[in-house]
PDB file of N, CA and C in Angstrom:
ATOM      1  N   UNK A   1       2.065 -32.247  24.818  1.00  0.00           N
ATOM      2  CA  UNK A   1       1.628 -30.742  24.764  1.00  0.00           C
ATOM      3  C   UNK A   1       2.692 -30.768  22.888  1.00  0.00           C
ATOM      4  N   UNK A   2       3.925 -31.319  23.937  1.00  0.00           N
ATOM      5  CA  UNK A   2       4.904 -30.054  23.029  1.00  0.00           C
ATOM      6  C   UNK A   2       5.044 -31.113  21.111  1.00  0.00           C
ATOM      7  N   UNK A   3       4.069 -31.724  21.207  1.00  0.00           N
ATOM      8  CA  UNK A   3       4.715 -32.883  20.100  1.00  0.00           C
ATOM      9  C   UNK A   3       3.009 -32.349  18.731  1.00  0.00           C
ATOM     10  N   UNK A   4       2.941 -31.369  19.741  1.00  0.00           N
ATOM     11  CA  UNK A   4       1.507 -30.726  18.383  1.00  0.00           C
ATOM     12  C   UNK A   4       2.248 -29.462  18.018  1.00  0.00           C
ATOM     13  N   UNK A   5       1.926 -28.871  16.660  1.00  0.00           N
ATOM     14  CA  UNK A   5       2.568 -27.885  15.909  1.00  0.00           C
ATOM     15  C   UNK A   5       2.381 -26.541  16.566  1.00  0.00           C
ATOM     16  N   UNK A   6       2.516 -25.354  16.421  1.00  0.00           N
ATOM     17  CA  UNK A   6       1.092 -24.708  17.561  1.00  0.00           C
ATOM     18  C   UNK A   6       1.150 -23.399  15.650  1.00  0.00           C
ATOM     19  N   UNK A   7       0.429 -22.826  15.726  1.00  0.00           N
ATOM     20  CA  UNK A   7       0.962 -21.321  14.511  1.00  0.00           C
ATOM     21  C   UNK A   7       1.859 -20.799  16.016  1.00  0.00           C
ATOM     22  N   UNK A   8       2.752 -19.778  14.915  1.00  0.00           N
ATOM     23  CA  UNK A   8       3.166 -18.445  15.322  1.00  0.00           C
ATOM     24  C   UNK A   8       2.897 -17.015  15.166  1.00  0.00           C
ATOM     25  N   UNK A   9       1.634 -16.906  16.112  1.00  0.00           N
ATOM     26  CA  UNK A   9       0.658 -15.805  15.648  1.00  0.00           C
ATOM     27  C   UNK A   9       1.663 -14.386  15.401  1.00  0.00           C
ATOM     28  N   UNK A  10       2.424 -14.401  15.974  1.00  0.00           N
ATOM     29  CA  UNK A  10       3.885 -13.464  16.027  1.00  0.00           C
ATOM     30  C   UNK A  10       3.905 -13.405  13.928  1.00  0.00           C
ATOM     31  N   UNK A  11       4.289 -14.646  13.341  1.00  0.00           N
ATOM     32  CA  UNK A  11       4.749 -14.186  12.135  1.00  0.00           C
ATOM     33  C   UNK A  11       3.640 -13.768  11.460  1.00  0.00           C
ATOM     34  N   UNK A  12       2.609 -15.094  12.063  1.00  0.00           N
ATOM     35  CA  UNK A  12       0.983 -14.612  11.068  1.00  0.00           C
ATOM     36  C   UNK A  12       0.495 -12.822  10.975  1.00  0.00           C
ATOM     37  N   UNK A  13       0.617 -12.635  11.827  1.00  0.00           N
ATOM     38  CA  UNK A  13      -0.032 -11.232  12.304  1.00  0.00           C
ATOM     39  C   UNK A  13       0.958 -10.537  11.340  1.00  0.00           C
ATOM     40  N   UNK A  14       2.363 -10.763  10.491  1.00  0.00           N
ATOM     41  CA  UNK A  14       3.269 -10.213  10.226  1.00  0.00           C
ATOM     42  C   UNK A  14       2.829 -10.201   8.585  1.00  0.00           C
ATOM     43  N   UNK A  15       3.065 -11.315   8.224  1.00  0.00           N
ATOM     44  CA  UNK A  15       1.870 -11.799   6.751  1.00  0.00           C
ATOM     45  C   UNK A  15       0.377 -11.733   6.999  1.00  0.00           C
ATOM     46  N   UNK A  16       0.007 -11.809   7.418  1.00  0.00           N
ATOM     47  CA  UNK A  16      -1.581  -9.744   7.683  1.00  0.00           C
ATOM     48  C   UNK A  16      -1.476  -9.249   6.668  1.00  0.00           C
ATOM     49  N   UNK A  17       0.025  -8.926   8.325  1.00  0.00           N
ATOM     50  CA  UNK A  17       0.081  -7.349   7.771  1.00  0.00           C
ATOM     51  C   UNK A  17       1.089  -6.423   6.659  1.00  0.00           C
ATOM     52  N   UNK A  18       1.385  -7.763   5.135  1.00  0.00           N
ATOM     53  CA  UNK A  18       1.932  -7.235   4.273  1.00  0.00           C
ATOM     54  C   UNK A  18       1.013  -7.196   3.432  1.00  0.00           C
ATOM     55  N   UNK A  19       0.127  -8.694   3.456  1.00  0.00           N
ATOM     56  CA  UNK A  19      -1.421  -8.580   2.775  1.00  0.00           C
ATOM     57  C   UNK A  19      -1.481  -7.296   2.501  1.00  0.00           C
ATOM     58  N   UNK A  20      -2.476  -6.200   3.761  1.00  0.00           N
ATOM     59  CA  UNK A  20      -3.326  -5.121   4.262  1.00  0.00           C
ATOM     60  C   UNK A  20      -2.315  -4.076   3.003  1.00  0.00           C
ATOM     61  N   UNK A  21      -1.279  -4.471   3.044  1.00  0.00           N
ATOM     62  CA  UNK A  21      -0.412  -3.059   2.497  1.00  0.00           C
ATOM     63  C   UNK A  21      -0.477  -4.217   1.136  1.00  0.00           C
ATOM     64  N   UNK A  22       0.057  -4.499   0.652  1.00  0.00           N
ATOM     65  CA  UNK A  22      -0.250  -4.942  -0.691  1.00  0.00           C
ATOM     66  C   UNK A  22      -1.806  -4.633  -1.079  1.00  0.00           C
ATOM     67  N   UNK A  23      -2.827  -4.766  -0.768  1.00  0.00           N
ATOM     68  CA  UNK A  23      -4.322  -4.084  -1.017  1.00  0.00           C
ATOM     69  C   UNK A  23      -4.451  -2.646  -0.997  1.00  0.00           C
ATOM     70  N   UNK A  24      -3.557  -1.618  -0.904  1.00  0.00           N
ATOM     71  CA  UNK A  24      -3.084  -0.441  -0.576  1.00  0.00           C
ATOM     72  C   UNK A  24      -2.981  -0.729  -1.980  1.00  0.00           C
ATOM     73  N   UNK A  25      -1.542  -1.009  -2.101  1.00  0.00           N
ATOM     74  CA  UNK A  25      -0.699  -1.056  -3.279  1.00  0.00           C
ATOM     75  C   UNK A  25      -1.117  -1.290  -4.946  1.00  0.00           C
ATOM     76  N   UNK A  26      -2.192  -2.802  -4.094  1.00  0.00           N
ATOM     77  CA  UNK A  26      -2.979  -2.446  -5.937  1.00  0.00           C
ATOM     78  C   UNK A  26      -3.621  -2.102  -6.864  1.00  0.00           C
ATOM     79  N   UNK A  27      -4.478  -0.967  -5.280  1.00  0.00           N
ATOM     80  CA  UNK A  27      -5.529  -0.075  -5.614  1.00  0.00           C
ATOM     81  C   UNK A  27      -4.391   0.688  -6.528  1.00  0.00           C
ATOM     82  N   UNK A  28      -3.659   1.215  -6.133  1.00  0.00           N
ATOM     83  CA  UNK A  28      -2.451   2.577  -6.243  1.00  0.00           C
ATOM     84  C   UNK A  28      -1.634   2.533  -7.560  1.00  0.00           C
ATOM     85  N   UNK A  29      -1.506   1.666  -7.635  1.00  0.00           N
ATOM     86  CA  UNK A  29      -0.414   1.280  -8.889  1.00  0.00           C
ATOM     87  C   UNK A  29      -1.949   0.901 -10.384  1.00  0.00           C
ATOM     88  N   UNK A  30      -2.565   0.595 -10.987  1.00  0.00           N
ATOM     89  CA  UNK A  30      -3.512   0.027 -11.737  1.00  0.00           C
ATOM     90  C   UNK A  30      -4.252   2.434 -11.849  1.00  0.00           C
ATOM     91  N   UNK A  31      -4.124   2.298 -10.720  1.00  0.00           N
ATOM     92  CA  UNK A  31      -4.887   3.890 -11.044  1.00  0.00           C
ATOM     93  C   UNK A  31      -4.592   4.994 -11.570  1.00  0.00           C
ATOM     94  N   UNK A  32      -2.635   4.263 -10.527  1.00  0.00           N
ATOM     95  CA  UNK A  32      -1.466   5.683 -11.203  1.00  0.00           C
ATOM     96  C   UNK A  32      -1.477   5.869 -12.747  1.00  0.00           C
ATOM     97  N   UNK A  33      -1.069   4.489 -13.173  1.00  0.00           N
ATOM     98  CA  UNK A  33      -0.362   4.027 -14.207  1.00  0.00           C
ATOM     99  C   UNK A  33      -1.913   4.506 -15.229  1.00  0.00           C
ATOM    100  N   UNK A  34      -2.627   4.194 -15.115  1.00  0.00           N
ATOM    101  CA  UNK A  34      -3.985   4.800 -16.205  1.00  0.00           C
ATOM    102  C   UNK A  34      -3.903   5.816 -15.874  1.00  0.00           C
ATOM    103  N   UNK A  35      -3.831   7.145 -14.720  1.00  0.00           N
ATOM    104  CA  UNK A  35      -4.679   8.021 -14.780  1.00  0.00           C
ATOM    105  C   UNK A  35      -2.615   9.227 -15.609  1.00  0.00           C
ATOM    106  N   UNK A  36      -1.418   8.276 -15.639  1.00  0.00           N
ATOM    107  CA  UNK A  36      -0.945   8.843 -16.907  1.00  0.00           C
ATOM    108  C   UNK A  36      -0.690   8.293 -17.873  1.00  0.00           C
ATOM    109  N   UNK A  37      -1.454   7.395 -18.371  1.00  0.00           N
ATOM    110  CA  UNK A  37      -1.212   7.618 -20.070  1.00  0.00           C
ATOM    111  C   UNK A  37      -2.958   7.729 -20.525  1.00  0.00           C
ATOM    112  N   UNK A  38      -3.588   8.952 -19.313  1.00  0.00           N
ATOM    113  CA  UNK A  38      -4.999   9.378 -19.680  1.00  0.00           C
ATOM    114  C   UNK A  38      -4.286  10.703 -20.022  1.00  0.00           C
ATOM    115  N   UNK A  39      -3.405  11.027 -19.347  1.00  0.00           N
ATOM    116  CA  UNK A  39      -2.481  12.425 -20.153  1.00  0.00           C
ATOM    117  C   UNK A  39      -1.001  12.140 -21.093  1.00  0.00           C
ATOM    118  N   UNK A  40      -0.524  11.656 -21.434  1.00  0.00           N
ATOM    119  CA  UNK A  40       0.268  11.083 -22.226  1.00  0.00           C
ATOM    120  C   UNK A  40       1.370  12.574 -22.740  1.00  0.00           C
ATOM    121  N   UNK A  41       0.318  13.783 -22.628  1.00  0.00           N
ATOM    122  CA  UNK A  41       1.051  15.421 -23.323  1.00  0.00           C
ATOM    123  C   UNK A  41       1.445  16.011 -21.921  1.00  0.00           C
ATOM    124  N   UNK A  42       0.770  15.509 -20.940  1.00  0.00           N
ATOM    125  CA  UNK A  42       2.147  16.090 -19.996  1.00  0.00           C
ATOM    126  C   UNK A  42       2.956  16.024 -19.881  1.00  0.00           C
ATOM    127  N   UNK A  43       3.524  16.519 -18.731  1.00  0.00           N
ATOM    128  CA  UNK A  43       4.866  17.515 -18.408  1.00  0.00           C
ATOM    129  C   UNK A  43       5.842  15.986 -18.183  1.00  0.00           C
ATOM    130  N   UNK A  44       5.097  15.533 -16.117  1.00  0.00           N
ATOM    131  CA  UNK A  44       5.572  14.347 -16.587  1.00  0.00           C
ATOM    132  C   UNK A  44       4.600  13.421 -16.292  1.00  0.00           C
ATOM    133  N   UNK A  45       3.906  13.032 -17.420  1.00  0.00           N
ATOM    134  CA  UNK A  45       3.985  11.604 -17.678  1.00  0.00           C
ATOM    135  C   UNK A  45       5.243  10.664 -16.978  1.00  0.00           C
ATOM    136  N   UNK A  46       5.818  10.678 -17.621  1.00  0.00           N
ATOM    137  CA  UNK A  46       6.923   9.057 -17.538  1.00  0.00           C
ATOM    138  C   UNK A  46       7.732   9.179 -15.647  1.00  0.00           C
ATOM    139  N   UNK A  47       6.837  10.069 -14.964  1.00  0.00           N
ATOM    140  CA  UNK A  47       7.694   9.914 -13.673  1.00  0.00           C
ATOM    141  C   UNK A  47       6.364   9.087 -13.355  1.00  0.00           C
ATOM    142  N   UNK A  48       4.927  10.414 -13.609  1.00  0.00           N
ATOM    143  CA  UNK A  48       3.887   9.863 -13.137  1.00  0.00           C
ATOM    144  C   UNK A  48       3.708   7.667 -13.088  1.00  0.00           C
ATOM    145  N   UNK A  49       4.571   6.949 -14.225  1.00  0.00           N
ATOM    146  CA  UNK A  49       4.245   6.192 -14.975  1.00  0.00           C
ATOM    147  C   UNK A  49       5.573   5.614 -14.098  1.00  0.00           C
ATOM    148  N   UNK A  50       6.167   5.576 -13.627  1.00  0.00           N
ATOM    149  CA  UNK A  50       7.571   5.234 -13.391  1.00  0.00           C
ATOM    150  C   UNK A  50       6.634   4.807 -11.431  1.00  0.00           C
ATOM    151  N   UNK A  51       5.834   5.499 -10.840  1.00  0.00           N
ATOM    152  CA  UNK A  51       5.737   5.982  -9.715  1.00  0.00           C
ATOM    153  C   UNK A  51       4.678   4.774  -9.791  1.00  0.00           C
ATOM    154  N   UNK A  52       3.339   3.846 -11.204  1.00  0.00           N
ATOM    155  CA  UNK A  52       2.366   3.511 -10.944  1.00  0.00           C
ATOM    156  C   UNK A  52       3.556   2.363 -11.334  1.00  0.00           C
ATOM    157  N   UNK A  53       4.684   1.465 -11.848  1.00  0.00           N
ATOM    158  CA  UNK A  53       5.054   0.299 -12.190  1.00  0.00           C
ATOM    159  C   UNK A  53       5.727  -0.080 -10.544  1.00  0.00           C
ATOM    160  N   UNK A  54       6.328   0.687  -9.869  1.00  0.00           N
ATOM    161  CA  UNK A  54       6.802   0.708  -8.917  1.00  0.00           C
ATOM    162  C   UNK A  54       5.734   0.433  -8.174  1.00  0.00           C
ATOM    163  N   UNK A  55       4.880   1.084  -7.789  1.00  0.00           N
ATOM    164  CA  UNK A  55       3.485   0.594  -6.807  1.00  0.00           C
ATOM    165  C   UNK A  55       3.395  -0.597  -7.296  1.00  0.00           C
ATOM    166  N   UNK A  56       3.348  -1.200  -8.666  1.00  0.00           N
ATOM    167  CA  UNK A  56       2.794  -2.276  -8.896  1.00  0.00           C
ATOM    168  C   UNK A  56       3.407  -3.831  -8.881  1.00  0.00           C
ATOM    169  N   UNK A  57       4.559  -3.113  -8.382  1.00  0.00           N
ATOM    170  CA  UNK A  57       6.183  -4.114  -8.232  1.00  0.00           C
ATOM    171  C   UNK A  57       5.913  -4.383  -6.568  1.00  0.00           C
ATOM    172  N   UNK A  58       5.407  -3.388  -5.947  1.00  0.00           N
ATOM    173  CA  UNK A  58       5.731  -3.100  -4.822  1.00  0.00           C
ATOM    174  C   UNK A  58       4.576  -4.027  -4.227  1.00  0.00           C
ATOM    175  N   UNK A  59       3.518  -4.203  -5.105  1.00  0.00           N
ATOM    176  CA  UNK A  59       2.374  -5.138  -4.926  1.00  0.00           C
ATOM    177  C   UNK A  59       2.258  -6.666  -4.954  1.00  0.00           C
ATOM    178  N   UNK A  60       3.076  -6.424  -5.974  1.00  0.00           N
ATOM    179  CA  UNK A  60       3.506  -8.468  -6.319  1.00  0.00           C
ATOM    180  C   UNK A  60       4.578  -8.819  -5.575  1.00  0.00           C
ATOM    181  N   UNK A  61       5.490  -7.775  -4.680  1.00  0.00           N
ATOM    182  CA  UNK A  61       6.736  -8.320  -4.063  1.00  0.00           C
ATOM    183  C   UNK A  61       5.275  -8.679  -2.299  1.00  0.00           C
ATOM    184  N   UNK A  62       5.061  -7.883  -1.893  1.00  0.00           N
ATOM    185  CA  UNK A  62       3.909  -7.939  -0.439  1.00  0.00           C
ATOM    186  C   UNK A  62       3.688  -9.559  -0.677  1.00  0.00           C
ATOM    187  N   UNK A  63       3.403  -9.084  -1.814  1.00  0.00           N
ATOM    188  CA  UNK A  63       1.620 -10.876  -1.780  1.00  0.00           C
ATOM    189  C   UNK A  63       3.026 -11.964  -1.374  1.00  0.00           C
ATOM    190  N   UNK A  64       3.790 -11.842  -2.434  1.00  0.00           N
ATOM    191  CA  UNK A  64       4.496 -12.951  -2.434  1.00  0.00           C
ATOM    192  C   UNK A  64       5.086 -13.054  -0.728  1.00  0.00           C
ATOM    193  N   UNK A  65       6.267 -12.206  -0.593  1.00  0.00           N
ATOM    194  CA  UNK A  65       6.503 -11.842   1.156  1.00  0.00           C
ATOM    195  C   UNK A  65       5.319 -12.208   2.432  1.00  0.00           C
ATOM    196  N   UNK A  66       4.322 -11.840   2.100  1.00  0.00           N
ATOM    197  CA  UNK A  66       3.069 -12.082   3.252  1.00  0.00           C
ATOM    198  C   UNK A  66       2.222 -13.699   2.531  1.00  0.00           C
ATOM    199  N   UNK A  67       2.345 -13.871   1.829  1.00  0.00           N
ATOM    200  CA  UNK A  67       1.956 -15.281   2.180  1.00  0.00           C
ATOM    201  C   UNK A  67       2.724 -16.751   2.259  1.00  0.00           C
ATOM    202  N   UNK A  68       4.241 -16.351   2.066  1.00  0.00           N
ATOM    203  CA  UNK A  68       5.564 -17.032   2.915  1.00  0.00           C
ATOM    204  C   UNK A  68       5.717 -16.547   4.697  1.00  0.00           C
ATOM    205  N   UNK A  69       5.528 -15.806   4.801  1.00  0.00           N
ATOM    206  CA  UNK A  69       5.180 -15.621   6.036  1.00  0.00           C
ATOM    207  C   UNK A  69       4.211 -15.783   6.873  1.00  0.00           C
ATOM    208  N   UNK A  70       2.796 -16.001   6.036  1.00  0.00           N
ATOM    209  CA  UNK A  70       1.683 -17.178   6.838  1.00  0.00           C
ATOM    210  C   UNK A  70       2.370 -18.461   6.791  1.00  0.00           C
ATOM    211  N   UNK A  71       3.031 -18.911   5.472  1.00  0.00           N
ATOM    212  CA  UNK A  71       3.507 -20.612   5.410  1.00  0.00           C
ATOM    213  C   UNK A  71       4.038 -20.743   6.120  1.00  0.00           C
ATOM    214  N   UNK A  72       5.113 -20.007   6.654  1.00  0.00           N
ATOM    215  CA  UNK A  72       5.794 -20.178   7.980  1.00  0.00           C
ATOM    216  C   UNK A  72       5.589 -20.512   9.150  1.00  0.00           C
ATOM    217  N   UNK A  73       4.922 -19.712   9.318  1.00  0.00           N
ATOM    218  CA  UNK A  73       3.762 -19.496  10.716  1.00  0.00           C
ATOM    219  C   UNK A  73       2.906 -20.969  11.089  1.00  0.00           C
ATOM    220  N   UNK A  74       2.541 -20.938   9.621  1.00  0.00           N
ATOM    221  CA  UNK A  74       1.877 -22.600  10.142  1.00  0.00           C
ATOM    222  C   UNK A  74       2.633 -24.265  10.343  1.00  0.00           C
ATOM    223  N   UNK A  75       3.945 -23.629   8.937  1.00  0.00           N
ATOM    224  CA  UNK A  75       4.537 -25.454   8.713  1.00  0.00           C
ATOM    225  C   UNK A  75       5.786 -24.867   9.428  1.00  0.00           C
ATOM    226  N   UNK A  76       6.465 -24.542   9.811  1.00  0.00           N
ATOM    227  CA  UNK A  76       7.771 -24.112  10.698  1.00  0.00           C
ATOM    228  C   UNK A  76       7.504 -24.826  11.900  1.00  0.00           C
ATOM    229  N   UNK A  77       8.625 -25.070  12.489  1.00  0.00           N
ATOM    230  CA  UNK A  77       9.020 -25.158  14.286  1.00  0.00           C
ATOM    231  C   UNK A  77       8.868 -24.531  14.530  1.00  0.00           C
TER     232      UNK A  77
END
């Protein structure tokens, strides 16, 4: 029975959690950047733009991390 590789369910669950968190930041990032560009003459234009860019970079990181964790759960021993 040990000759078959099994999926590590704990690592798989962590990967799915990372992808679920990425889904939220995938929505928040572009909305925040769009709102900052709609209010260019407002005093908080730059801080809101920076927050939106941080959300988008965090989404990219969480997607890659989630996919890596899922692949590790499938293929590592």
